[in-house]
């Protein structure tokens, strides 16, 4: 799936593959014997995921490319939240790896990503 503008991304987030996958996985996030609050929280995962996808995609559009640390700084998300979503977004055809690596703040090499 190619996203040509931010409006397409919002439609994708509302109706797309990532939202459906998150909804399908919600039942896996809470066991039958877990309290009702856990089931309610599991159902909200798709809302958080879609919001993160949107913020990550918008950041990559404005910055050309970046590591998950750089994307996190631009998007206002925690690096761990960005890192968690990148492979999902790649599978959904929103972003791709550039084939480059850059040194992150910890000194380790990080993959560089860009919006499609």
PDB file of N, CA and C in Angstrom:
ATOM      1  N   UNK A   1       0.850  -1.176   0.000  1.00  0.00           N
ATOM      2  CA  UNK A   1       0.000   0.000   0.000  1.00  0.00           C
ATOM      3  C   UNK A   1       0.885   1.225   0.000  1.00  0.00           C
ATOM      4  N   UNK A   2       0.686   2.123  -0.933  1.00  0.00           N
ATOM      5  CA  UNK A   2       1.434   3.367  -0.980  1.00  0.00           C
ATOM      6  C   UNK A   2       0.580   4.494  -0.443  1.00  0.00           C
ATOM      7  N   UNK A   3       1.190   5.333   0.341  1.00  0.00           N
ATOM      8  CA  UNK A   3       0.511   6.484   0.917  1.00  0.00           C
ATOM      9  C   UNK A   3       1.087   7.720   0.241  1.00  0.00           C
ATOM     10  N   UNK A   4       0.263   8.456  -0.510  1.00  0.00           N
ATOM     11  CA  UNK A   4       0.750   9.611  -1.255  1.00  0.00           C
ATOM     12  C   UNK A   4       0.665  10.914  -0.484  1.00  0.00           C
ATOM     13  N   UNK A   5      -0.232  11.013   0.478  1.00  0.00           N
ATOM     14  CA  UNK A   5      -0.331  12.240   1.262  1.00  0.00           C
ATOM     15  C   UNK A   5      -0.833  11.904   2.655  1.00  0.00           C
ATOM     16  N   UNK A   6      -0.793  12.889   3.514  1.00  0.00           N
ATOM     17  CA  UNK A   6      -1.145  12.648   4.919  1.00  0.00           C
ATOM     18  C   UNK A   6      -2.616  12.267   5.063  1.00  0.00           C
ATOM     19  N   UNK A   7      -3.479  12.752   4.173  1.00  0.00           N
ATOM     20  CA  UNK A   7      -4.887  12.357   4.209  1.00  0.00           C
ATOM     21  C   UNK A   7      -5.048  10.866   3.983  1.00  0.00           C
ATOM     22  N   UNK A   8      -4.253  10.325   3.042  1.00  0.00           N
ATOM     23  CA  UNK A   8      -4.280   8.881   2.809  1.00  0.00           C
ATOM     24  C   UNK A   8      -3.827   8.126   4.051  1.00  0.00           C
ATOM     25  N   UNK A   9      -2.830   8.668   4.739  1.00  0.00           N
ATOM     26  CA  UNK A   9      -2.349   8.013   5.948  1.00  0.00           C
ATOM     27  C   UNK A   9      -3.432   7.970   7.014  1.00  0.00           C
ATOM     28  N   UNK A  10      -4.170   9.073   7.190  1.00  0.00           N
ATOM     29  CA  UNK A  10      -5.245   9.079   8.186  1.00  0.00           C
ATOM     30  C   UNK A  10      -6.312   8.043   7.832  1.00  0.00           C
ATOM     31  N   UNK A  11      -6.651   7.934   6.556  1.00  0.00           N
ATOM     32  CA  UNK A  11      -7.631   6.914   6.148  1.00  0.00           C
ATOM     33  C   UNK A  11      -7.075   5.522   6.413  1.00  0.00           C
ATOM     34  N   UNK A  12      -5.772   5.341   6.129  1.00  0.00           N
ATOM     35  CA  UNK A  12      -5.135   4.057   6.395  1.00  0.00           C
ATOM     36  C   UNK A  12      -5.213   3.726   7.880  1.00  0.00           C
ATOM     37  N   UNK A  13      -4.894   4.707   8.714  1.00  0.00           N
ATOM     38  CA  UNK A  13      -4.892   4.471  10.157  1.00  0.00           C
ATOM     39  C   UNK A  13      -6.282   4.142  10.667  1.00  0.00           C
ATOM     40  N   UNK A  14      -7.289   4.758  10.097  1.00  0.00           N
ATOM     41  CA  UNK A  14      -8.655   4.533  10.561  1.00  0.00           C
ATOM     42  C   UNK A  14      -9.203   3.200  10.054  1.00  0.00           C
ATOM     43  N   UNK A  15      -8.847   2.832   8.844  1.00  0.00           N
ATOM     44  CA  UNK A  15      -9.478   1.675   8.213  1.00  0.00           C
ATOM     45  C   UNK A  15      -8.495   0.612   7.739  1.00  0.00           C
ATOM     46  N   UNK A  16      -7.214   0.812   7.945  1.00  0.00           N
ATOM     47  CA  UNK A  16      -6.217  -0.008   7.276  1.00  0.00           C
ATOM     48  C   UNK A  16      -5.796  -1.263   7.981  1.00  0.00           C
ATOM     49  N   UNK A  17      -4.772  -1.821   7.406  1.00  0.00           N
ATOM     50  CA  UNK A  17      -4.232  -3.096   7.829  1.00  0.00           C
ATOM     51  C   UNK A  17      -3.748  -3.044   9.273  1.00  0.00           C
ATOM     52  N   UNK A  18      -3.051  -1.991   9.644  1.00  0.00           N
ATOM     53  CA  UNK A  18      -2.507  -1.909  11.002  1.00  0.00           C
ATOM     54  C   UNK A  18      -3.615  -1.884  12.037  1.00  0.00           C
ATOM     55  N   UNK A  19      -4.671  -1.145  11.761  1.00  0.00           N
ATOM     56  CA  UNK A  19      -5.783  -1.075  12.705  1.00  0.00           C
ATOM     57  C   UNK A  19      -6.432  -2.442  12.863  1.00  0.00           C
ATOM     58  N   UNK A  20      -6.605  -3.145  11.757  1.00  0.00           N
ATOM     59  CA  UNK A  20      -7.226  -4.465  11.822  1.00  0.00           C
ATOM     60  C   UNK A  20      -6.323  -5.442  12.563  1.00  0.00           C
ATOM     61  N   UNK A  21      -5.020  -5.398  12.288  1.00  0.00           N
ATOM     62  CA  UNK A  21      -4.087  -6.295  12.963  1.00  0.00           C
ATOM     63  C   UNK A  21      -4.100  -6.033  14.466  1.00  0.00           C
ATOM     64  N   UNK A  22      -4.092  -4.770  14.848  1.00  0.00           N
ATOM     65  CA  UNK A  22      -4.105  -4.442  16.277  1.00  0.00           C
ATOM     66  C   UNK A  22      -5.397  -4.914  16.924  1.00  0.00           C
ATOM     67  N   UNK A  23      -6.513  -4.749  16.240  1.00  0.00           N
ATOM     68  CA  UNK A  23      -7.794  -5.207  16.792  1.00  0.00           C
ATOM     69  C   UNK A  23      -7.813  -6.724  16.925  1.00  0.00           C
ATOM     70  N   UNK A  24      -7.284  -7.411  15.914  1.00  0.00           N
ATOM     71  CA  UNK A  24      -7.235  -8.871  15.961  1.00  0.00           C
ATOM     72  C   UNK A  24      -6.347  -9.367  17.105  1.00  0.00           C
ATOM     73  N   UNK A  25      -5.280  -8.627  17.370  1.00  0.00           N
ATOM     74  CA  UNK A  25      -4.351  -9.035  18.415  1.00  0.00           C
ATOM     75  C   UNK A  25      -4.804  -8.627  19.805  1.00  0.00           C
ATOM     76  N   UNK A  26      -5.806  -7.768  19.910  1.00  0.00           N
ATOM     77  CA  UNK A  26      -6.249  -7.288  21.222  1.00  0.00           C
ATOM     78  C   UNK A  26      -6.663  -8.444  22.121  1.00  0.00           C
ATOM     79  N   UNK A  27      -7.318  -9.440  21.539  1.00  0.00           N
ATOM     80  CA  UNK A  27      -7.759 -10.571  22.362  1.00  0.00           C
ATOM     81  C   UNK A  27      -6.569 -11.359  22.888  1.00  0.00           C
ATOM     82  N   UNK A  28      -5.414 -11.293  22.224  1.00  0.00           N
ATOM     83  CA  UNK A  28      -4.220 -11.990  22.677  1.00  0.00           C
ATOM     84  C   UNK A  28      -3.530 -11.240  23.813  1.00  0.00           C
ATOM     85  N   UNK A  29      -3.863  -9.966  23.976  1.00  0.00           N
ATOM     86  CA  UNK A  29      -3.200  -9.155  24.978  1.00  0.00           C
ATOM     87  C   UNK A  29      -3.810  -9.309  26.367  1.00  0.00           C
ATOM     88  N   UNK A  30      -4.989  -9.868  26.429  1.00  0.00           N
ATOM     89  CA  UNK A  30      -5.647 -10.090  27.720  1.00  0.00           C
ATOM     90  C   UNK A  30      -6.185 -11.522  27.750  1.00  0.00           C
ATOM     91  N   UNK A  31      -5.894 -12.219  28.832  1.00  0.00           N
ATOM     92  CA  UNK A  31      -6.365 -13.596  28.975  1.00  0.00           C
ATOM     93  C   UNK A  31      -7.808 -13.601  29.482  1.00  0.00           C
ATOM     94  N   UNK A  32      -8.505 -14.683  29.270  1.00  0.00           N
ATOM     95  CA  UNK A  32      -9.905 -14.794  29.697  1.00  0.00           C
ATOM     96  C   UNK A  32     -10.091 -14.503  31.180  1.00  0.00           C
ATOM     97  N   UNK A  33      -9.132 -14.892  32.000  1.00  0.00           N
ATOM     98  CA  UNK A  33      -9.276 -14.714  33.447  1.00  0.00           C
ATOM     99  C   UNK A  33      -8.729 -13.368  33.945  1.00  0.00           C
ATOM    100  N   UNK A  34      -8.219 -12.531  33.036  1.00  0.00           N
ATOM    101  CA  UNK A  34      -7.738 -11.198  33.438  1.00  0.00           C
ATOM    102  C   UNK A  34      -8.914 -10.306  33.812  1.00  0.00           C
ATOM    103  N   UNK A  35      -8.663  -9.298  34.647  1.00  0.00           N
ATOM    104  CA  UNK A  35      -9.748  -8.382  35.024  1.00  0.00           C
ATOM    105  C   UNK A  35     -10.262  -7.602  33.811  1.00  0.00           C
ATOM    106  N   UNK A  36     -11.458  -7.099  33.921  1.00  0.00           N
ATOM    107  CA  UNK A  36     -12.101  -6.360  32.832  1.00  0.00           C
ATOM    108  C   UNK A  36     -11.270  -5.163  32.391  1.00  0.00           C
ATOM    109  N   UNK A  37     -10.561  -4.535  33.325  1.00  0.00           N
ATOM    110  CA  UNK A  37      -9.729  -3.389  32.964  1.00  0.00           C
ATOM    111  C   UNK A  37      -8.632  -3.777  31.974  1.00  0.00           C
ATOM    112  N   UNK A  38      -8.117  -4.988  32.098  1.00  0.00           N
ATOM    113  CA  UNK A  38      -7.103  -5.466  31.156  1.00  0.00           C
ATOM    114  C   UNK A  38      -7.698  -5.643  29.763  1.00  0.00           C
ATOM    115  N   UNK A  39      -8.913  -6.131  29.698  1.00  0.00           N
ATOM    116  CA  UNK A  39      -9.574  -6.297  28.402  1.00  0.00           C
ATOM    117  C   UNK A  39      -9.852  -4.937  27.752  1.00  0.00           C
ATOM    118  N   UNK A  40     -10.252  -3.963  28.555  1.00  0.00           N
ATOM    119  CA  UNK A  40     -10.490  -2.617  28.025  1.00  0.00           C
ATOM    120  C   UNK A  40      -9.191  -2.011  27.512  1.00  0.00           C
ATOM    121  N   UNK A  41      -8.113  -2.185  28.248  1.00  0.00           N
ATOM    122  CA  UNK A  41      -6.819  -1.645  27.829  1.00  0.00           C
ATOM    123  C   UNK A  41      -6.349  -2.301  26.533  1.00  0.00           C
ATOM    124  N   UNK A  42      -6.554  -3.604  26.411  1.00  0.00           N
ATOM    125  CA  UNK A  42      -6.140  -4.316  25.200  1.00  0.00           C
ATOM    126  C   UNK A  42      -6.869  -3.796  23.971  1.00  0.00           C
ATOM    127  N   UNK A  43      -8.125  -3.420  24.140  1.00  0.00           N
ATOM    128  CA  UNK A  43      -8.898  -2.891  23.018  1.00  0.00           C
ATOM    129  C   UNK A  43      -8.406  -1.520  22.572  1.00  0.00           C
ATOM    130  N   UNK A  44      -7.702  -0.802  23.440  1.00  0.00           N
ATOM    131  CA  UNK A  44      -7.190   0.534  23.112  1.00  0.00           C
ATOM    132  C   UNK A  44      -5.843   0.494  22.387  1.00  0.00           C
ATOM    133  N   UNK A  45      -5.246  -0.672  22.275  1.00  0.00           N
ATOM    134  CA  UNK A  45      -3.933  -0.789  21.644  1.00  0.00           C
ATOM    135  C   UNK A  45      -3.957  -0.238  20.224  1.00  0.00           C
ATOM    136  N   UNK A  46      -4.997  -0.524  19.461  1.00  0.00           N
ATOM    137  CA  UNK A  46      -5.041  -0.059  18.075  1.00  0.00           C
ATOM    138  C   UNK A  46      -5.081   1.463  17.998  1.00  0.00           C
ATOM    139  N   UNK A  47      -5.725   2.111  18.952  1.00  0.00           N
ATOM    140  CA  UNK A  47      -5.774   3.573  18.970  1.00  0.00           C
ATOM    141  C   UNK A  47      -4.373   4.135  19.156  1.00  0.00           C
ATOM    142  N   UNK A  48      -3.630   3.594  20.134  1.00  0.00           N
ATOM    143  CA  UNK A  48      -2.258   4.063  20.371  1.00  0.00           C
ATOM    144  C   UNK A  48      -1.363   3.752  19.183  1.00  0.00           C
ATOM    145  N   UNK A  49      -1.487   2.562  18.627  1.00  0.00           N
ATOM    146  CA  UNK A  49      -0.643   2.174  17.494  1.00  0.00           C
ATOM    147  C   UNK A  49      -0.885   3.096  16.306  1.00  0.00           C
ATOM    148  N   UNK A  50      -2.139   3.371  15.990  1.00  0.00           N
ATOM    149  CA  UNK A  50      -2.438   4.231  14.846  1.00  0.00           C
ATOM    150  C   UNK A  50      -1.923   5.645  15.061  1.00  0.00           C
ATOM    151  N   UNK A  51      -2.038   6.155  16.273  1.00  0.00           N
ATOM    152  CA  UNK A  51      -1.528   7.486  16.574  1.00  0.00           C
ATOM    153  C   UNK A  51      -0.003   7.512  16.421  1.00  0.00           C
ATOM    154  N   UNK A  52       0.665   6.464  16.862  1.00  0.00           N
ATOM    155  CA  UNK A  52       2.111   6.380  16.716  1.00  0.00           C
ATOM    156  C   UNK A  52       2.494   6.286  15.250  1.00  0.00           C
ATOM    157  N   UNK A  53       1.784   5.466  14.481  1.00  0.00           N
ATOM    158  CA  UNK A  53       2.076   5.350  13.047  1.00  0.00           C
ATOM    159  C   UNK A  53       1.988   6.714  12.378  1.00  0.00           C
ATOM    160  N   UNK A  54       0.957   7.465  12.695  1.00  0.00           N
ATOM    161  CA  UNK A  54       0.758   8.787  12.093  1.00  0.00           C
ATOM    162  C   UNK A  54       1.915   9.715  12.459  1.00  0.00           C
ATOM    163  N   UNK A  55       2.285   9.748  13.726  1.00  0.00           N
ATOM    164  CA  UNK A  55       3.370  10.630  14.167  1.00  0.00           C
ATOM    165  C   UNK A  55       4.708  10.240  13.535  1.00  0.00           C
ATOM    166  N   UNK A  56       4.964   8.958  13.440  1.00  0.00           N
ATOM    167  CA  UNK A  56       6.213   8.475  12.835  1.00  0.00           C
ATOM    168  C   UNK A  56       6.244   8.834  11.355  1.00  0.00           C
ATOM    169  N   UNK A  57       5.142   8.601  10.661  1.00  0.00           N
ATOM    170  CA  UNK A  57       5.087   8.888   9.228  1.00  0.00           C
ATOM    171  C   UNK A  57       5.255  10.384   8.973  1.00  0.00           C
ATOM    172  N   UNK A  58       4.582  11.206   9.743  1.00  0.00           N
ATOM    173  CA  UNK A  58       4.714  12.655   9.580  1.00  0.00           C
ATOM    174  C   UNK A  58       6.151  13.103   9.830  1.00  0.00           C
ATOM    175  N   UNK A  59       6.799  12.545  10.849  1.00  0.00           N
ATOM    176  CA  UNK A  59       8.183  12.899  11.141  1.00  0.00           C
ATOM    177  C   UNK A  59       9.083  12.527   9.971  1.00  0.00           C
ATOM    178  N   UNK A  60       8.914  11.323   9.433  1.00  0.00           N
ATOM    179  CA  UNK A  60       9.754  10.892   8.313  1.00  0.00           C
ATOM    180  C   UNK A  60       9.509  11.732   7.062  1.00  0.00           C
ATOM    181  N   UNK A  61       8.287  12.177   6.857  1.00  0.00           N
ATOM    182  CA  UNK A  61       8.015  13.034   5.702  1.00  0.00           C
ATOM    183  C   UNK A  61       8.766  14.354   5.809  1.00  0.00           C
ATOM    184  N   UNK A  62       8.893  14.887   7.003  1.00  0.00           N
ATOM    185  CA  UNK A  62       9.544  16.187   7.162  1.00  0.00           C
ATOM    186  C   UNK A  62      11.062  16.082   7.228  1.00  0.00           C
ATOM    187  N   UNK A  63      11.586  14.915   7.569  1.00  0.00           N
ATOM    188  CA  UNK A  63      13.030  14.817   7.778  1.00  0.00           C
ATOM    189  C   UNK A  63      13.764  13.986   6.729  1.00  0.00           C
ATOM    190  N   UNK A  64      13.117  13.507   5.707  1.00  0.00           N
ATOM    191  CA  UNK A  64      13.692  12.690   4.638  1.00  0.00           C
ATOM    192  C   UNK A  64      13.985  11.273   5.094  1.00  0.00           C
ATOM    193  N   UNK A  65      14.822  11.088   6.110  1.00  0.00           N
ATOM    194  CA  UNK A  65      15.110   9.765   6.657  1.00  0.00           C
ATOM    195  C   UNK A  65      15.610   9.922   8.084  1.00  0.00           C
ATOM    196  N   UNK A  66      15.694   8.800   8.806  1.00  0.00           N
ATOM    197  CA  UNK A  66      16.189   8.885  10.172  1.00  0.00           C
ATOM    198  C   UNK A  66      16.228   7.536  10.865  1.00  0.00           C
ATOM    199  N   UNK A  67      17.029   7.478  11.914  1.00  0.00           N
ATOM    200  CA  UNK A  67      17.061   6.310  12.792  1.00  0.00           C
ATOM    201  C   UNK A  67      15.863   6.397  13.739  1.00  0.00           C
ATOM    202  N   UNK A  68      15.618   5.342  14.470  1.00  0.00           N
ATOM    203  CA  UNK A  68      14.481   5.400  15.394  1.00  0.00           C
ATOM    204  C   UNK A  68      14.693   6.452  16.472  1.00  0.00           C
ATOM    205  N   UNK A  69      15.936   6.719  16.828  1.00  0.00           N
ATOM    206  CA  UNK A  69      16.207   7.789  17.794  1.00  0.00           C
ATOM    207  C   UNK A  69      15.849   9.155  17.208  1.00  0.00           C
ATOM    208  N   UNK A  70      16.264   9.386  15.965  1.00  0.00           N
ATOM    209  CA  UNK A  70      15.993  10.659  15.299  1.00  0.00           C
ATOM    210  C   UNK A  70      14.494  10.852  15.068  1.00  0.00           C
ATOM    211  N   UNK A  71      13.830   9.765  14.675  1.00  0.00           N
ATOM    212  CA  UNK A  71      12.375   9.821  14.459  1.00  0.00           C
ATOM    213  C   UNK A  71      11.669  10.125  15.781  1.00  0.00           C
ATOM    214  N   UNK A  72      12.125   9.501  16.856  1.00  0.00           N
ATOM    215  CA  UNK A  72      11.526   9.729  18.177  1.00  0.00           C
ATOM    216  C   UNK A  72      11.656  11.189  18.576  1.00  0.00           C
ATOM    217  N   UNK A  73      12.827  11.753  18.370  1.00  0.00           N
ATOM    218  CA  UNK A  73      13.042  13.157  18.729  1.00  0.00           C
ATOM    219  C   UNK A  73      12.105  14.072  17.936  1.00  0.00           C
ATOM    220  N   UNK A  74      11.961  13.808  16.644  1.00  0.00           N
ATOM    221  CA  UNK A  74      11.119  14.655  15.790  1.00  0.00           C
ATOM    222  C   UNK A  74       9.633  14.461  16.085  1.00  0.00           C
ATOM    223  N   UNK A  75       9.237  13.225  16.388  1.00  0.00           N
ATOM    224  CA  UNK A  75       7.814  12.916  16.571  1.00  0.00           C
ATOM    225  C   UNK A  75       7.313  13.179  17.988  1.00  0.00           C
ATOM    226  N   UNK A  76       8.230  13.296  18.946  1.00  0.00           N
ATOM    227  CA  UNK A  76       7.823  13.470  20.336  1.00  0.00           C
ATOM    228  C   UNK A  76       7.481  12.165  21.040  1.00  0.00           C
ATOM    229  N   UNK A  77       7.761  11.038  20.395  1.00  0.00           N
ATOM    230  CA  UNK A  77       7.516   9.727  20.995  1.00  0.00           C
ATOM    231  C   UNK A  77       8.785   9.218  21.671  1.00  0.00           C
ATOM    232  N   UNK A  78       8.613   8.250  22.536  1.00  0.00           N
ATOM    233  CA  UNK A  78       9.761   7.597  23.151  1.00  0.00           C
ATOM    234  C   UNK A  78      10.450   6.718  22.106  1.00  0.00           C
ATOM    235  N   UNK A  79      11.780   6.617  22.133  1.00  0.00           N
ATOM    236  CA  UNK A  79      12.473   5.758  21.166  1.00  0.00           C
ATOM    237  C   UNK A  79      11.941   4.323  21.136  1.00  0.00           C
ATOM    238  N   UNK A  80      11.608   3.771  22.299  1.00  0.00           N
ATOM    239  CA  UNK A  80      11.097   2.395  22.328  1.00  0.00           C
ATOM    240  C   UNK A  80       9.752   2.273  21.614  1.00  0.00           C
ATOM    241  N   UNK A  81       8.932   3.314  21.671  1.00  0.00           N
ATOM    242  CA  UNK A  81       7.644   3.293  20.968  1.00  0.00           C
ATOM    243  C   UNK A  81       7.846   3.340  19.463  1.00  0.00           C
ATOM    244  N   UNK A  82       8.804   4.142  19.024  1.00  0.00           N
ATOM    245  CA  UNK A  82       9.101   4.223  17.587  1.00  0.00           C
ATOM    246  C   UNK A  82       9.669   2.901  17.103  1.00  0.00           C
ATOM    247  N   UNK A  83      10.652   2.388  17.824  1.00  0.00           N
ATOM    248  CA  UNK A  83      11.306   1.139  17.435  1.00  0.00           C
ATOM    249  C   UNK A  83      10.285   0.010  17.276  1.00  0.00           C
ATOM    250  N   UNK A  84       9.323  -0.041  18.189  1.00  0.00           N
ATOM    251  CA  UNK A  84       8.299  -1.079  18.184  1.00  0.00           C
ATOM    252  C   UNK A  84       7.422  -1.018  16.939  1.00  0.00           C
ATOM    253  N   UNK A  85       7.188   0.158  16.388  1.00  0.00           N
ATOM    254  CA  UNK A  85       6.248   0.337  15.278  1.00  0.00           C
ATOM    255  C   UNK A  85       6.887   0.251  13.894  1.00  0.00           C
ATOM    256  N   UNK A  86       8.209   0.387  13.783  1.00  0.00           N
ATOM    257  CA  UNK A  86       8.841   0.476  12.474  1.00  0.00           C
ATOM    258  C   UNK A  86       8.624  -0.770  11.620  1.00  0.00           C
ATOM    259  N   UNK A  87       8.794  -1.953  12.186  1.00  0.00           N
ATOM    260  CA  UNK A  87       8.601  -3.169  11.393  1.00  0.00           C
ATOM    261  C   UNK A  87       7.148  -3.331  10.949  1.00  0.00           C
ATOM    262  N   UNK A  88       6.198  -2.955  11.820  1.00  0.00           N
ATOM    263  CA  UNK A  88       4.778  -2.989  11.435  1.00  0.00           C
ATOM    264  C   UNK A  88       4.544  -2.094  10.228  1.00  0.00           C
ATOM    265  N   UNK A  89       5.089  -0.886  10.301  1.00  0.00           N
ATOM    266  CA  UNK A  89       4.876   0.088   9.239  1.00  0.00           C
ATOM    267  C   UNK A  89       5.564  -0.347   7.943  1.00  0.00           C
ATOM    268  N   UNK A  90       6.706  -1.018   8.060  1.00  0.00           N
ATOM    269  CA  UNK A  90       7.385  -1.539   6.872  1.00  0.00           C
ATOM    270  C   UNK A  90       6.537  -2.632   6.220  1.00  0.00           C
ATOM    271  N   UNK A  91       5.994  -3.537   7.024  1.00  0.00           N
ATOM    272  CA  UNK A  91       5.136  -4.601   6.493  1.00  0.00           C
ATOM    273  C   UNK A  91       3.898  -4.033   5.810  1.00  0.00           C
ATOM    274  N   UNK A  92       3.394  -2.908   6.327  1.00  0.00           N
ATOM    275  CA  UNK A  92       2.203  -2.275   5.759  1.00  0.00           C
ATOM    276  C   UNK A  92       2.526  -1.393   4.556  1.00  0.00           C
ATOM    277  N   UNK A  93       3.806  -1.287   4.199  1.00  0.00           N
ATOM    278  CA  UNK A  93       4.194  -0.539   3.011  1.00  0.00           C
ATOM    279  C   UNK A  93       4.255   0.967   3.192  1.00  0.00           C
ATOM    280  N   UNK A  94       4.308   1.433   4.432  1.00  0.00           N
ATOM    281  CA  UNK A  94       4.357   2.872   4.685  1.00  0.00           C
ATOM    282  C   UNK A  94       5.774   3.423   4.657  1.00  0.00           C
ATOM    283  N   UNK A  95       6.718   2.635   5.133  1.00  0.00           N
ATOM    284  CA  UNK A  95       8.100   3.085   5.230  1.00  0.00           C
ATOM    285  C   UNK A  95       9.006   1.987   4.712  1.00  0.00           C
ATOM    286  N   UNK A  96      10.279   2.348   4.520  1.00  0.00           N
ATOM    287  CA  UNK A  96      11.247   1.348   4.093  1.00  0.00           C
ATOM    288  C   UNK A  96      12.619   1.694   4.659  1.00  0.00           C
ATOM    289  N   UNK A  97      13.458   0.687   4.746  1.00  0.00           N
ATOM    290  CA  UNK A  97      14.835   0.901   5.167  1.00  0.00           C
ATOM    291  C   UNK A  97      15.613   1.464   3.980  1.00  0.00           C
ATOM    292  N   UNK A  98      16.568   2.335   4.272  1.00  0.00           N
ATOM    293  CA  UNK A  98      17.362   2.918   3.199  1.00  0.00           C
ATOM    294  C   UNK A  98      18.560   2.052   2.841  1.00  0.00           C
ATOM    295  N   UNK A  99      18.910   1.128   3.718  1.00  0.00           N
ATOM    296  CA  UNK A  99      20.126   0.340   3.534  1.00  0.00           C
ATOM    297  C   UNK A  99      21.322   0.968   4.240  1.00  0.00           C
ATOM    298  N   UNK A 100      21.129   2.166   4.769  1.00  0.00           N
ATOM    299  CA  UNK A 100      22.185   2.863   5.505  1.00  0.00           C
ATOM    300  C   UNK A 100      22.063   2.567   6.999  1.00  0.00           C
ATOM    301  N   UNK A 101      23.141   2.823   7.700  1.00  0.00           N
ATOM    302  CA  UNK A 101      23.146   2.765   9.161  1.00  0.00           C
ATOM    303  C   UNK A 101      23.845   4.005   9.686  1.00  0.00           C
ATOM    304  N   UNK A 102      23.387   4.474  10.862  1.00  0.00           N
ATOM    305  CA  UNK A 102      24.014   5.607  11.550  1.00  0.00           C
ATOM    306  C   UNK A 102      24.218   5.238  13.005  1.00  0.00           C
ATOM    307  N   UNK A 103      25.225   5.835  13.582  1.00  0.00           N
ATOM    308  CA  UNK A 103      25.504   5.602  14.992  1.00  0.00           C
ATOM    309  C   UNK A 103      24.480   6.351  15.833  1.00  0.00           C
ATOM    310  N   UNK A 104      23.865   5.657  16.776  1.00  0.00           N
ATOM    311  CA  UNK A 104      22.900   6.256  17.680  1.00  0.00           C
ATOM    312  C   UNK A 104      23.586   6.837  18.901  1.00  0.00           C
ATOM    313  N   UNK A 105      22.820   7.436  19.806  1.00  0.00           N
ATOM    314  CA  UNK A 105      23.402   8.062  20.993  1.00  0.00           C
ATOM    315  C   UNK A 105      24.111   7.086  21.929  1.00  0.00           C
ATOM    316  N   UNK A 106      23.793   5.801  21.812  1.00  0.00           N
ATOM    317  CA  UNK A 106      24.462   4.800  22.663  1.00  0.00           C
ATOM    318  C   UNK A 106      25.757   4.306  22.029  1.00  0.00           C
ATOM    319  N   UNK A 107      26.018   4.737  20.786  1.00  0.00           N
ATOM    320  CA  UNK A 107      27.209   4.284  20.076  1.00  0.00           C
ATOM    321  C   UNK A 107      26.954   3.102  19.162  1.00  0.00           C
ATOM    322  N   UNK A 108      25.790   2.487  19.273  1.00  0.00           N
ATOM    323  CA  UNK A 108      25.453   1.341  18.425  1.00  0.00           C
ATOM    324  C   UNK A 108      24.922   1.816  17.083  1.00  0.00           C
ATOM    325  N   UNK A 109      25.119   1.011  16.062  1.00  0.00           N
ATOM    326  CA  UNK A 109      24.639   1.349  14.726  1.00  0.00           C
ATOM    327  C   UNK A 109      23.134   1.091  14.648  1.00  0.00           C
ATOM    328  N   UNK A 110      22.429   1.999  13.990  1.00  0.00           N
ATOM    329  CA  UNK A 110      20.968   1.924  13.849  1.00  0.00           C
ATOM    330  C   UNK A 110      20.600   1.983  12.370  1.00  0.00           C
ATOM    331  N   UNK A 111      19.583   1.225  11.999  1.00  0.00           N
ATOM    332  CA  UNK A 111      19.080   1.294  10.625  1.00  0.00           C
ATOM    333  C   UNK A 111      18.449   2.661  10.363  1.00  0.00           C
ATOM    334  N   UNK A 112      18.520   3.078   9.120  1.00  0.00           N
ATOM    335  CA  UNK A 112      17.920   4.352   8.709  1.00  0.00           C
ATOM    336  C   UNK A 112      16.667   4.034   7.905  1.00  0.00           C
ATOM    337  N   UNK A 113      15.587   4.770   8.197  1.00  0.00           N
ATOM    338  CA  UNK A 113      14.279   4.550   7.596  1.00  0.00           C
ATOM    339  C   UNK A 113      13.835   5.786   6.828  1.00  0.00           C
ATOM    340  N   UNK A 114      12.936   5.591   5.847  1.00  0.00           N
ATOM    341  CA  UNK A 114      12.327   6.707   5.129  1.00  0.00           C
ATOM    342  C   UNK A 114      10.880   6.362   4.786  1.00  0.00           C
ATOM    343  N   UNK A 115      10.074   7.406   4.606  1.00  0.00           N
ATOM    344  CA  UNK A 115       8.685   7.206   4.202  1.00  0.00           C
ATOM    345  C   UNK A 115       8.650   6.818   2.732  1.00  0.00           C
ATOM    346  N   UNK A 116       7.676   6.011   2.357  1.00  0.00           N
ATOM    347  CA  UNK A 116       7.499   5.650   0.944  1.00  0.00           C
ATOM    348  C   UNK A 116       6.663   6.693   0.254  1.00  0.00           C
TER     349      UNK A 116
END
